[in-house]
PDB file of N, CA and C in Angstrom:
ATOM      1  N   MET A   1      73.110 115.563  90.091  1.00  0.00           N
ATOM      2  CA  MET A   1      73.108 114.154  89.807  1.00  0.00           C
ATOM      3  C   MET A   1      72.212 113.383  90.755  1.00  0.00           C
ATOM      4  N   GLY A   2      70.944 113.573  90.734  1.00  0.00           N
ATOM      5  CA  GLY A   2      70.028 112.785  91.533  1.00  0.00           C
ATOM      6  C   GLY A   2      70.162 112.983  93.028  1.00  0.00           C
ATOM      7  N   GLY A   3      70.760 114.077  93.474  1.00  0.00           N
ATOM      8  CA  GLY A   3      70.881 114.346  94.888  1.00  0.00           C
ATOM      9  C   GLY A   3      72.000 113.601  95.595  1.00  0.00           C
ATOM     10  N   THR A   4      72.860 112.880  94.876  1.00  0.00           N
ATOM     11  CA  THR A   4      73.950 112.155  95.532  1.00  0.00           C
ATOM     12  C   THR A   4      75.196 113.025  95.557  1.00  0.00           C
ATOM     13  N   LYS A   5      75.990 112.856  96.589  1.00  0.00           N
ATOM     14  CA  LYS A   5      77.239 113.591  96.723  1.00  0.00           C
ATOM     15  C   LYS A   5      78.362 112.738  96.160  1.00  0.00           C
ATOM     16  N   ARG A   6      79.045 113.232  95.171  1.00  0.00           N
ATOM     17  CA  ARG A   6      80.108 112.482  94.515  1.00  0.00           C
ATOM     18  C   ARG A   6      81.379 112.531  95.338  1.00  0.00           C
ATOM     19  N   ARG A   7      82.017 111.401  95.515  1.00  0.00           N
ATOM     20  CA  ARG A   7      83.273 111.301  96.257  1.00  0.00           C
ATOM     21  C   ARG A   7      84.441 111.382  95.283  1.00  0.00           C
ATOM     22  N   PRO A   8      85.556 112.019  95.693  1.00  0.00           N
ATOM     23  CA  PRO A   8      86.703 112.171  94.782  1.00  0.00           C
ATOM     24  C   PRO A   8      87.270 110.843  94.277  1.00  0.00           C
ATOM     25  N   TYR A   9      87.267 109.798  95.121  1.00  0.00           N
ATOM     26  CA  TYR A   9      87.824 108.513  94.712  1.00  0.00           C
ATOM     27  C   TYR A   9      86.742 107.519  94.305  1.00  0.00           C
ATOM     28  N   GLY A  10      85.475 107.945  94.303  1.00  0.00           N
ATOM     29  CA  GLY A  10      84.391 107.118  93.782  1.00  0.00           C
ATOM     30  C   GLY A  10      83.964 105.958  94.655  1.00  0.00           C
ATOM     31  N   SER A  11      84.206 106.012  95.960  1.00  0.00           N
ATOM     32  CA  SER A  11      83.801 104.905  96.831  1.00  0.00           C
ATOM     33  C   SER A  11      82.314 105.004  97.159  1.00  0.00           C
ATOM     34  N   THR A  12      81.731 103.870  97.469  1.00  0.00           N
ATOM     35  CA  THR A  12      80.314 103.836  97.824  1.00  0.00           C
ATOM     36  C   THR A  12      80.165 103.939  99.342  1.00  0.00           C
ATOM     37  N   ALA A  13      78.954 104.254  99.786  1.00  0.00           N
ATOM     38  CA  ALA A  13      78.686 104.337 101.225  1.00  0.00           C
ATOM     39  C   ALA A  13      78.896 102.977 101.887  1.00  0.00           C
ATOM     40  N   LYS A  14      78.551 101.911 101.184  1.00  0.00           N
ATOM     41  CA  LYS A  14      78.726 100.559 101.728  1.00  0.00           C
ATOM     42  C   LYS A  14      80.205 100.251 101.947  1.00  0.00           C
ATOM     43  N   THR A  15      81.042 100.620 101.017  1.00  0.00           N
ATOM     44  CA  THR A  15      82.481 100.389 101.149  1.00  0.00           C
ATOM     45  C   THR A  15      83.041 101.173 102.321  1.00  0.00           C
ATOM     46  N   ARG A  16      82.663 102.441 102.443  1.00  0.00           N
ATOM     47  CA  ARG A  16      83.156 103.263 103.544  1.00  0.00           C
ATOM     48  C   ARG A  16      82.688 102.703 104.893  1.00  0.00           C
ATOM     49  N   GLN A  17      81.459 102.217 104.951  1.00  0.00           N
ATOM     50  CA  GLN A  17      80.940 101.628 106.185  1.00  0.00           C
ATOM     51  C   GLN A  17      81.715 100.356 106.543  1.00  0.00           C
ATOM     52  N   MET A  18      82.032  99.535 105.551  1.00  0.00           N
ATOM     53  CA  MET A  18      82.806  98.321 105.807  1.00  0.00           C
ATOM     54  C   MET A  18      84.210  98.645 106.312  1.00  0.00           C
ATOM     55  N   VAL A  19      84.832  99.677 105.757  1.00  0.00           N
ATOM     56  CA  VAL A  19      86.169 100.075 106.198  1.00  0.00           C
ATOM     57  C   VAL A  19      86.120 100.537 107.654  1.00  0.00           C
ATOM     58  N   LEU A  20      85.144 101.371 107.997  1.00  0.00           N
ATOM     59  CA  LEU A  20      85.023 101.851 109.369  1.00  0.00           C
ATOM     60  C   LEU A  20      84.754 100.708 110.341  1.00  0.00           C
ATOM     61  N   ALA A  21      83.895  99.766 109.944  1.00  0.00           N
ATOM     62  CA  ALA A  21      83.586  98.630 110.815  1.00  0.00           C
ATOM     63  C   ALA A  21      84.815  97.753 111.028  1.00  0.00           C
ATOM     64  N   ALA A  22      85.564  97.489 109.963  1.00  0.00           N
ATOM     65  CA  ALA A  22      86.756  96.640 110.083  1.00  0.00           C
ATOM     66  C   ALA A  22      87.815  97.304 110.954  1.00  0.00           C
ATOM     67  N   LEU A  23      88.061  98.602 110.740  1.00  0.00           N
ATOM     68  CA  LEU A  23      89.077  99.293 111.530  1.00  0.00           C
ATOM     69  C   LEU A  23      88.626  99.507 112.969  1.00  0.00           C
ATOM     70  N   GLY A  24      87.326  99.514 113.207  1.00  0.00           N
ATOM     71  CA  GLY A  24      86.834  99.595 114.571  1.00  0.00           C
ATOM     72  C   GLY A  24      87.145  98.346 115.363  1.00  0.00           C
ATOM     73  N   VAL A  25      87.325  97.228 114.681  1.00  0.00           N
ATOM     74  CA  VAL A  25      87.615  95.957 115.352  1.00  0.00           C
ATOM     75  C   VAL A  25      89.113  95.682 115.399  1.00  0.00           C
ATOM     76  N   VAL A  26      89.783  95.754 114.262  1.00  0.00           N
ATOM     77  CA  VAL A  26      91.193  95.359 114.206  1.00  0.00           C
ATOM     78  C   VAL A  26      92.165  96.506 114.457  1.00  0.00           C
ATOM     79  N   LYS A  27      91.683  97.732 114.483  1.00  0.00           N
ATOM     80  CA  LYS A  27      92.447  98.949 114.789  1.00  0.00           C
ATOM     81  C   LYS A  27      93.428  99.369 113.695  1.00  0.00           C
ATOM     82  N   VAL A  28      94.283  98.491 113.197  1.00  0.00           N
ATOM     83  CA  VAL A  28      95.248  98.831 112.143  1.00  0.00           C
ATOM     84  C   VAL A  28      95.245  97.708 111.123  1.00  0.00           C
ATOM     85  N   ALA A  29      95.109  98.070 109.841  1.00  0.00           N
ATOM     86  CA  ALA A  29      95.092  97.046 108.784  1.00  0.00           C
ATOM     87  C   ALA A  29      95.452  97.671 107.446  1.00  0.00           C
ATOM     88  N   THR A  30      95.886  96.826 106.531  1.00  0.00           N
ATOM     89  CA  THR A  30      96.110  97.260 105.152  1.00  0.00           C
ATOM     90  C   THR A  30      94.803  97.111 104.379  1.00  0.00           C
ATOM     91  N   ALA A  31      94.739  97.701 103.206  1.00  0.00           N
ATOM     92  CA  ALA A  31      93.543  97.585 102.370  1.00  0.00           C
ATOM     93  C   ALA A  31      93.287  96.133 101.993  1.00  0.00           C
ATOM     94  N   GLU A  32      94.326  95.376 101.738  1.00  0.00           N
ATOM     95  CA  GLU A  32      94.166  93.956 101.397  1.00  0.00           C
ATOM     96  C   GLU A  32      93.586  93.171 102.566  1.00  0.00           C
ATOM     97  N   GLN A  33      94.033  93.456 103.779  1.00  0.00           N
ATOM     98  CA  GLN A  33      93.497  92.773 104.954  1.00  0.00           C
ATOM     99  C   GLN A  33      92.023  93.120 105.167  1.00  0.00           C
ATOM    100  N   ILE A  34      91.676  94.379 104.972  1.00  0.00           N
ATOM    101  CA  ILE A  34      90.273  94.794 105.100  1.00  0.00           C
ATOM    102  C   ILE A  34      89.429  94.105 104.040  1.00  0.00           C
ATOM    103  N   ARG A  35      89.955  94.006 102.812  1.00  0.00           N
ATOM    104  CA  ARG A  35      89.227  93.320 101.741  1.00  0.00           C
ATOM    105  C   ARG A  35      88.979  91.864 102.107  1.00  0.00           C
ATOM    106  N   GLN A  36      89.992  91.192 102.645  1.00  0.00           N
ATOM    107  CA  GLN A  36      89.841  89.788 103.012  1.00  0.00           C
ATOM    108  C   GLN A  36      88.829  89.606 104.141  1.00  0.00           C
ATOM    109  N   LEU A  37      88.760  90.564 105.057  1.00  0.00           N
ATOM    110  CA  LEU A  37      87.814  90.482 106.169  1.00  0.00           C
ATOM    111  C   LEU A  37      86.375  90.788 105.756  1.00  0.00           C
ATOM    112  N   MET A  38      86.198  91.866 105.014  1.00  0.00           N
ATOM    113  CA  MET A  38      84.859  92.406 104.802  1.00  0.00           C
ATOM    114  C   MET A  38      84.242  92.068 103.447  1.00  0.00           C
ATOM    115  N   CYS A  39      85.034  91.953 102.414  1.00  0.00           N
ATOM    116  CA  CYS A  39      84.476  91.667 101.087  1.00  0.00           C
ATOM    117  C   CYS A  39      85.407  90.734 100.326  1.00  0.00           C
ATOM    118  N   PRO A  40      85.497  89.472 100.778  1.00  0.00           N
ATOM    119  CA  PRO A  40      86.455  88.542 100.162  1.00  0.00           C
ATOM    120  C   PRO A  40      86.145  88.211  98.707  1.00  0.00           C
ATOM    121  N   GLY A  41      84.935  88.447  98.227  1.00  0.00           N
ATOM    122  CA  GLY A  41      84.597  88.155  96.841  1.00  0.00           C
ATOM    123  C   GLY A  41      85.112  89.196  95.868  1.00  0.00           C
ATOM    124  N   THR A  42      85.592  90.333  96.380  1.00  0.00           N
ATOM    125  CA  THR A  42      86.105  91.390  95.527  1.00  0.00           C
ATOM    126  C   THR A  42      87.464  90.984  94.971  1.00  0.00           C
ATOM    127  N   ALA A  43      87.661  91.192  93.685  1.00  0.00           N
ATOM    128  CA  ALA A  43      88.887  90.742  93.030  1.00  0.00           C
ATOM    129  C   ALA A  43      90.107  91.560  93.429  1.00  0.00           C
ATOM    130  N   SER A  44      89.920  92.840  93.716  1.00  0.00           N
ATOM    131  CA  SER A  44      91.049  93.718  93.970  1.00  0.00           C
ATOM    132  C   SER A  44      90.818  94.540  95.226  1.00  0.00           C
ATOM    133  N   ALA A  45      91.898  94.952  95.859  1.00  0.00           N
ATOM    134  CA  ALA A  45      91.803  95.798  97.052  1.00  0.00           C
ATOM    135  C   ALA A  45      91.637  97.268  96.689  1.00  0.00           C
ATOM    136  N   GLN A  46      91.579  97.595  95.408  1.00  0.00           N
ATOM    137  CA  GLN A  46      91.434  98.992  94.986  1.00  0.00           C
ATOM    138  C   GLN A  46      90.131  99.582  95.495  1.00  0.00           C
ATOM    139  N   THR A  47      89.070  98.792  95.578  1.00  0.00           N
ATOM    140  CA  THR A  47      87.793  99.258  96.105  1.00  0.00           C
ATOM    141  C   THR A  47      87.965  99.742  97.543  1.00  0.00           C
ATOM    142  N   VAL A  48      88.665  98.968  98.353  1.00  0.00           N
ATOM    143  CA  VAL A  48      88.894  99.325  99.750  1.00  0.00           C
ATOM    144  C   VAL A  48      89.838 100.517  99.848  1.00  0.00           C
ATOM    145  N   ARG A  49      90.875 100.552  99.004  1.00  0.00           N
ATOM    146  CA  ARG A  49      91.796 101.699  99.007  1.00  0.00           C
ATOM    147  C   ARG A  49      91.058 102.987  98.698  1.00  0.00           C
ATOM    148  N   ASN A  50      90.146 102.950  97.730  1.00  0.00           N
ATOM    149  CA  ASN A  50      89.370 104.148  97.398  1.00  0.00           C
ATOM    150  C   ASN A  50      88.510 104.583  98.582  1.00  0.00           C
ATOM    151  N   GLY A  51      87.924 103.619  99.282  1.00  0.00           N
ATOM    152  CA  GLY A  51      87.143 103.941 100.473  1.00  0.00           C
ATOM    153  C   GLY A  51      88.011 104.571 101.555  1.00  0.00           C
ATOM    154  N   CYS A  52      89.202 104.033 101.755  1.00  0.00           N
ATOM    155  CA  CYS A  52      90.124 104.593 102.750  1.00  0.00           C
ATOM    156  C   CYS A  52      90.550 106.005 102.377  1.00  0.00           C
ATOM    157  N   LEU A  53      90.814 106.228 101.099  1.00  0.00           N
ATOM    158  CA  LEU A  53      91.221 107.556 100.660  1.00  0.00           C
ATOM    159  C   LEU A  53      90.089 108.579 100.830  1.00  0.00           C
ATOM    160  N   ASP A  54      88.857 108.189 100.515  1.00  0.00           N
ATOM    161  CA  ASP A  54      87.716 109.091 100.721  1.00  0.00           C
ATOM    162  C   ASP A  54      87.496 109.373 102.202  1.00  0.00           C
ATOM    163  N   LEU A  55      87.612 108.346 103.040  1.00  0.00           N
ATOM    164  CA  LEU A  55      87.471 108.551 104.486  1.00  0.00           C
ATOM    165  C   LEU A  55      88.621 109.395 105.031  1.00  0.00           C
ATOM    166  N   GLY A  56      89.787 109.261 104.438  1.00  0.00           N
ATOM    167  CA  GLY A  56      90.922 110.090 104.830  1.00  0.00           C
ATOM    168  C   GLY A  56      90.681 111.556 104.525  1.00  0.00           C
ATOM    169  N   ARG A  57      90.053 111.842 103.399  1.00  0.00           N
ATOM    170  CA  ARG A  57      89.718 113.224 103.050  1.00  0.00           C
ATOM    171  C   ARG A  57      88.698 113.809 104.021  1.00  0.00           C
ATOM    172  N   ASP A  58      87.848 112.953 104.602  1.00  0.00           N
ATOM    173  CA  ASP A  58      86.862 113.399 105.589  1.00  0.00           C
ATOM    174  C   ASP A  58      87.443 113.454 106.993  1.00  0.00           C
ATOM    175  N   GLY A  59      88.682 112.997 107.178  1.00  0.00           N
ATOM    176  CA  GLY A  59      89.338 113.033 108.473  1.00  0.00           C
ATOM    177  C   GLY A  59      88.957 111.900 109.403  1.00  0.00           C
ATOM    178  N   LEU A  60      88.410 110.798 108.868  1.00  0.00           N
ATOM    179  CA  LEU A  60      87.986 109.678 109.708  1.00  0.00           C
ATOM    180  C   LEU A  60      89.025 108.569 109.816  1.00  0.00           C
ATOM    181  N   VAL A  61      89.871 108.406 108.805  1.00  0.00           N
ATOM    182  CA  VAL A  61      90.963 107.428 108.861  1.00  0.00           C
ATOM    183  C   VAL A  61      92.251 108.121 108.443  1.00  0.00           C
ATOM    184  N   GLU A  62      93.368 107.528 108.834  1.00  0.00           N
ATOM    185  CA  GLU A  62      94.666 108.072 108.439  1.00  0.00           C
ATOM    186  C   GLU A  62      95.624 106.928 108.149  1.00  0.00           C
ATOM    187  N   SER A  63      96.635 107.238 107.385  1.00  0.00           N
ATOM    188  CA  SER A  63      97.662 106.254 107.071  1.00  0.00           C
ATOM    189  C   SER A  63      98.788 106.384 108.090  1.00  0.00           C
ATOM    190  N   LEU A  64      99.164 105.266 108.685  1.00  0.00           N
ATOM    191  CA  LEU A  64     100.221 105.255 109.701  1.00  0.00           C
ATOM    192  C   LEU A  64     101.605 105.069 109.111  1.00  0.00           C
ATOM    193  N   GLY A  65     101.676 104.641 107.905  1.00  0.00           N
ATOM    194  CA  GLY A  65     102.950 104.303 107.278  1.00  0.00           C
ATOM    195  C   GLY A  65     102.714 103.171 106.311  1.00  0.00           C
ATOM    196  N   SER A  66     103.662 102.269 106.213  1.00  0.00           N
ATOM    197  CA  SER A  66     103.486 101.165 105.284  1.00  0.00           C
ATOM    198  C   SER A  66     103.987  99.858 105.882  1.00  0.00           C
ATOM    199  N   ALA A  67     103.490  98.780 105.322  1.00  0.00           N
ATOM    200  CA  ALA A  67     103.906  97.427 105.700  1.00  0.00           C
ATOM    201  C   ALA A  67     104.337  96.711 104.431  1.00  0.00           C
ATOM    202  N   SER A  68     105.350  95.882 104.531  1.00  0.00           N
ATOM    203  CA  SER A  68     105.856  95.137 103.370  1.00  0.00           C
ATOM    204  C   SER A  68     105.548  93.661 103.527  1.00  0.00           C
ATOM    205  N   ARG A  69     105.259  93.024 102.413  1.00  0.00           N
ATOM    206  CA  ARG A  69     105.026  91.581 102.396  1.00  0.00           C
ATOM    207  C   ARG A  69     105.499  91.043 101.053  1.00  0.00           C
ATOM    208  N   THR A  70     105.649  89.743 100.971  1.00  0.00           N
ATOM    209  CA  THR A  70     106.020  89.089  99.726  1.00  0.00           C
ATOM    210  C   THR A  70     104.774  88.440  99.145  1.00  0.00           C
ATOM    211  N   ASN A  71     104.454  88.741  97.892  1.00  0.00           N
ATOM    212  CA  ASN A  71     103.258  88.163  97.275  1.00  0.00           C
ATOM    213  C   ASN A  71     103.540  86.766  96.734  1.00  0.00           C
ATOM    214  N   ALA A  72     102.538  86.166  96.111  1.00  0.00           N
ATOM    215  CA  ALA A  72     102.658  84.788  95.620  1.00  0.00           C
ATOM    216  C   ALA A  72     103.750  84.643  94.559  1.00  0.00           C
ATOM    217  N   ALA A  73     104.023  85.709  93.818  1.00  0.00           N
ATOM    218  CA  ALA A  73     105.042  85.656  92.767  1.00  0.00           C
ATOM    219  C   ALA A  73     106.454  85.884  93.317  1.00  0.00           C
ATOM    220  N   GLY A  74     106.559  86.153  94.627  1.00  0.00           N
ATOM    221  CA  GLY A  74     107.870  86.369  95.224  1.00  0.00           C
ATOM    222  C   GLY A  74     108.335  87.807  95.188  1.00  0.00           C
ATOM    223  N   ASN A  75     107.458  88.737  94.796  1.00  0.00           N
ATOM    224  CA  ASN A  75     107.811  90.151  94.744  1.00  0.00           C
ATOM    225  C   ASN A  75     107.500  90.822  96.075  1.00  0.00           C
ATOM    226  N   LEU A  76     108.306  91.799  96.451  1.00  0.00           N
ATOM    227  CA  LEU A  76     108.079  92.560  97.662  1.00  0.00           C
ATOM    228  C   LEU A  76     107.024  93.630  97.382  1.00  0.00           C
ATOM    229  N   VAL A  77     105.942  93.638  98.182  1.00  0.00           N
ATOM    230  CA  VAL A  77     104.837  94.574  97.996  1.00  0.00           C
ATOM    231  C   VAL A  77     104.728  95.437  99.241  1.00  0.00           C
ATOM    232  N   SER A  78     104.649  96.741  99.058  1.00  0.00           N
ATOM    233  CA  SER A  78     104.491  97.668 100.170  1.00  0.00           C
ATOM    234  C   SER A  78     103.072  98.224 100.147  1.00  0.00           C
ATOM    235  N   GLU A  79     102.370  98.191 101.294  1.00  0.00           N
ATOM    236  CA  GLU A  79     100.991  98.670 101.380  1.00  0.00           C
ATOM    237  C   GLU A  79     100.855  99.629 102.552  1.00  0.00           C
ATOM    238  N   LYS A  80      99.945 100.602 102.414  1.00  0.00           N
ATOM    239  CA  LYS A  80      99.686 101.548 103.493  1.00  0.00           C
ATOM    240  C   LYS A  80      98.942 100.862 104.628  1.00  0.00           C
ATOM    241  N   LEU A  81      99.267 101.253 105.851  1.00  0.00           N
ATOM    242  CA  LEU A  81      98.530 100.817 107.030  1.00  0.00           C
ATOM    243  C   LEU A  81      97.520 101.909 107.378  1.00  0.00           C
ATOM    244  N   TRP A  82      96.288 101.517 107.632  1.00  0.00           N
ATOM    245  CA  TRP A  82      95.212 102.464 107.932  1.00  0.00           C
ATOM    246  C   TRP A  82      94.708 102.254 109.350  1.00  0.00           C
ATOM    247  N   ASN A  83      94.302 103.347 110.002  1.00  0.00           N
ATOM    248  CA  ASN A  83      93.646 103.258 111.301  1.00  0.00           C
ATOM    249  C   ASN A  83      92.643 104.398 111.441  1.00  0.00           C
ATOM    250  N   LEU A  84      91.784 104.301 112.448  1.00  0.00           N
ATOM    251  CA  LEU A  84      90.786 105.333 112.695  1.00  0.00           C
ATOM    252  C   LEU A  84      91.439 106.525 113.376  1.00  0.00           C
ATOM    253  N   THR A  85      90.937 107.720 113.070  1.00  0.00           N
ATOM    254  CA  THR A  85      91.398 108.917 113.762  1.00  0.00           C
ATOM    255  C   THR A  85      90.512 109.147 114.976  1.00  0.00           C
ATOM    256  N   GLY A  86      90.771 110.188 115.729  1.00  0.00           N
ATOM    257  CA  GLY A  86      90.009 110.498 116.928  1.00  0.00           C
ATOM    258  C   GLY A  86      88.509 110.603 116.700  1.00  0.00           C
ATOM    259  N   PRO A  87      88.040 111.408 115.731  1.00  0.00           N
ATOM    260  CA  PRO A  87      86.591 111.522 115.535  1.00  0.00           C
ATOM    261  C   PRO A  87      85.928 110.204 115.145  1.00  0.00           C
ATOM    262  N   ALA A  88      86.593 109.399 114.360  1.00  0.00           N
ATOM    263  CA  ALA A  88      85.995 108.136 113.911  1.00  0.00           C
ATOM    264  C   ALA A  88      85.962 107.109 115.032  1.00  0.00           C
ATOM    265  N   SER A  89      86.933 107.152 115.934  1.00  0.00           N
ATOM    266  CA  SER A  89      86.951 106.164 117.011  1.00  0.00           C
ATOM    267  C   SER A  89      85.832 106.413 118.013  1.00  0.00           C
ATOM    268  N   ARG A  90      85.252 107.619 118.010  1.00  0.00           N
ATOM    269  CA  ARG A  90      84.142 107.913 118.911  1.00  0.00           C
ATOM    270  C   ARG A  90      82.783 107.640 118.283  1.00  0.00           C
ATOM    271  N   LEU A  91      82.776 107.256 117.009  1.00  0.00           N
ATOM    272  CA  LEU A  91      81.517 106.923 116.354  1.00  0.00           C
ATOM    273  C   LEU A  91      80.923 105.672 116.973  1.00  0.00           C
ATOM    274  N   ARG A  92      79.634 105.588 117.007  1.00  0.00           N
ATOM    275  CA  ARG A  92      78.963 104.386 117.516  1.00  0.00           C
ATOM    276  C   ARG A  92      78.757 103.455 116.324  1.00  0.00           C
ATOM    277  N   LEU A  93      79.751 102.625 116.053  1.00  0.00           N
ATOM    278  CA  LEU A  93      79.687 101.723 114.912  1.00  0.00           C
ATOM    279  C   LEU A  93      78.805 100.531 115.250  1.00  0.00           C
ATOM    280  N   ARG A  94      78.059 100.083 114.269  1.00  0.00           N
ATOM    281  CA  ARG A  94      77.200  98.927 114.466  1.00  0.00           C
ATOM    282  C   ARG A  94      77.753  97.763 113.671  1.00  0.00           C
ATOM    283  N   CYS A  95      77.501  96.558 114.162  1.00  0.00           N
ATOM    284  CA  CYS A  95      77.977  95.380 113.445  1.00  0.00           C
ATOM    285  C   CYS A  95      76.866  94.331 113.406  1.00  0.00           C
ATOM    286  N   TRP A  96      76.945  93.434 112.462  1.00  0.00           N
ATOM    287  CA  TRP A  96      75.955  92.379 112.268  1.00  0.00           C
ATOM    288  C   TRP A  96      76.303  91.239 113.206  1.00  0.00           C
ATOM    289  N   THR A  97      75.409  90.936 114.161  1.00  0.00           N
ATOM    290  CA  THR A  97      75.711  89.923 115.161  1.00  0.00           C
ATOM    291  C   THR A  97      74.539  88.979 115.341  1.00  0.00           C
ATOM    292  N   GLY A  98      74.774  87.954 116.088  1.00  0.00           N
ATOM    293  CA  GLY A  98      73.712  87.027 116.465  1.00  0.00           C
ATOM    294  C   GLY A  98      73.517  85.909 115.478  1.00  0.00           C
ATOM    295  N   ARG A  99      72.931  84.825 115.976  1.00  0.00           N
ATOM    296  CA  ARG A  99      72.694  83.671 115.121  1.00  0.00           C
ATOM    297  C   ARG A  99      71.707  84.000 114.023  1.00  0.00           C
ATOM    298  N   ARG A 100      70.649  84.721 114.358  1.00  0.00           N
ATOM    299  CA  ARG A 100      69.666  85.118 113.351  1.00  0.00           C
ATOM    300  C   ARG A 100      70.064  86.405 112.645  1.00  0.00           C
ATOM    301  N   GLY A 101      71.016  87.088 113.186  1.00  0.00           N
ATOM    302  CA  GLY A 101      71.538  88.298 112.573  1.00  0.00           C
ATOM    303  C   GLY A 101      70.732  89.525 112.937  1.00  0.00           C
ATOM    304  N   ARG A 102      71.405  90.527 113.470  1.00  0.00           N
ATOM    305  CA  ARG A 102      70.775  91.813 113.751  1.00  0.00           C
ATOM    306  C   ARG A 102      71.896  92.841 113.909  1.00  0.00           C
ATOM    307  N   TRP A 103      71.557  94.093 113.716  1.00  0.00           N
ATOM    308  CA  TRP A 103      72.532  95.164 113.877  1.00  0.00           C
ATOM    309  C   TRP A 103      72.620  95.520 115.342  1.00  0.00           C
ATOM    310  N   ALA A 104      73.817  95.585 115.882  1.00  0.00           N
ATOM    311  CA  ALA A 104      74.006  95.901 117.289  1.00  0.00           C
ATOM    312  C   ALA A 104      75.244  96.771 117.456  1.00  0.00           C
ATOM    313  N   ALA A 105      75.206  97.604 118.492  1.00  0.00           N
ATOM    314  CA  ALA A 105      76.370  98.427 118.817  1.00  0.00           C
ATOM    315  C   ALA A 105      77.319  97.602 119.679  1.00  0.00           C
ATOM    316  N   PRO A 106      78.605  97.878 119.614  1.00  0.00           N
ATOM    317  CA  PRO A 106      79.546  97.150 120.453  1.00  0.00           C
ATOM    318  C   PRO A 106      79.259  97.395 121.932  1.00  0.00           C
ATOM    319  N   HIS A 107      79.620  96.450 122.773  1.00  0.00           N
ATOM    320  CA  HIS A 107      79.396  96.559 124.205  1.00  0.00           C
ATOM    321  C   HIS A 107      80.130  97.777 124.756  1.00  0.00           C
ATOM    322  N   GLY A 108      79.450  98.565 125.555  1.00  0.00           N
ATOM    323  CA  GLY A 108      80.071  99.736 126.168  1.00  0.00           C
ATOM    324  C   GLY A 108      80.026 100.981 125.311  1.00  0.00           C
ATOM    325  N   ALA A 109      79.400 100.914 124.132  1.00  0.00           N
ATOM    326  CA  ALA A 109      79.311 102.094 123.277  1.00  0.00           C
ATOM    327  C   ALA A 109      78.326 103.080 123.888  1.00  0.00           C
ATOM    328  N   PRO A 110      78.598 104.366 123.791  1.00  0.00           N
ATOM    329  CA  PRO A 110      77.672 105.347 124.357  1.00  0.00           C
ATOM    330  C   PRO A 110      76.346 105.331 123.613  1.00  0.00           C
ATOM    331  N   ARG A 111      75.294 105.550 124.340  1.00  0.00           N
ATOM    332  CA  ARG A 111      73.969 105.573 123.721  1.00  0.00           C
ATOM    333  C   ARG A 111      73.746 106.899 123.016  1.00  0.00           C
ATOM    334  N   VAL A 112      73.002 106.840 121.933  1.00  0.00           N
ATOM    335  CA  VAL A 112      72.694 108.044 121.172  1.00  0.00           C
ATOM    336  C   VAL A 112      71.420 108.650 121.736  1.00  0.00           C
ATOM    337  N   ARG A 113      71.479 109.904 122.100  1.00  0.00           N
ATOM    338  CA  ARG A 113      70.308 110.602 122.621  1.00  0.00           C
ATOM    339  C   ARG A 113      69.448 111.073 121.463  1.00  0.00           C
ATOM    340  N   GLY A 114      68.237 111.489 121.768  1.00  0.00           N
ATOM    341  CA  GLY A 114      67.330 111.987 120.736  1.00  0.00           C
ATOM    342  C   GLY A 114      67.901 113.188 120.023  1.00  0.00           C
ATOM    343  N   ARG A 115      67.388 113.470 118.872  1.00  0.00           N
ATOM    344  CA  ARG A 115      67.885 114.603 118.077  1.00  0.00           C
ATOM    345  C   ARG A 115      67.490 115.907 118.749  1.00  0.00           C
ATOM    346  N   SER A 116      68.368 116.874 118.616  1.00  0.00           N
ATOM    347  CA  SER A 116      68.046 118.196 119.159  1.00  0.00           C
ATOM    348  C   SER A 116      67.095 118.901 118.198  1.00  0.00           C
ATOM    349  N   THR A 117      66.212 119.689 118.737  1.00  0.00           N
ATOM    350  CA  THR A 117      65.245 120.412 117.892  1.00  0.00           C
ATOM    351  C   THR A 117      65.709 121.837 117.768  1.00  0.00           C
ATOM    352  N   ARG A 118      66.106 122.199 116.572  1.00  0.00           N
ATOM    353  CA  ARG A 118      66.551 123.566 116.303  1.00  0.00           C
ATOM    354  C   ARG A 118      65.642 124.184 115.310  1.00  0.00           C
TER     355      ARG A 118
END
């Protein structure tokens, strides 16, 4: 299929990157909270849930349990809480910063050395 690797839950690379960036900052969040932070124009949190599930299959995020809340209709809703695992927390995540906007690594992140030649 055009050289692309298909994900089991159908998430895009952009969605997975947004999930990793959000969890790198807030540490623990539900899919709805991540949606509100990173892609508020999206109608449903299913896009973010699919990204979390694909990242979970890769071992980068994990579910800690669940959180309950009451929605606008007064119904009790239970959602999974997501956080980064050990390998993902060591990634050098970049974020969009600055008045003019530029990609930057968080302060104190380890520098990436040149590629090894094998």
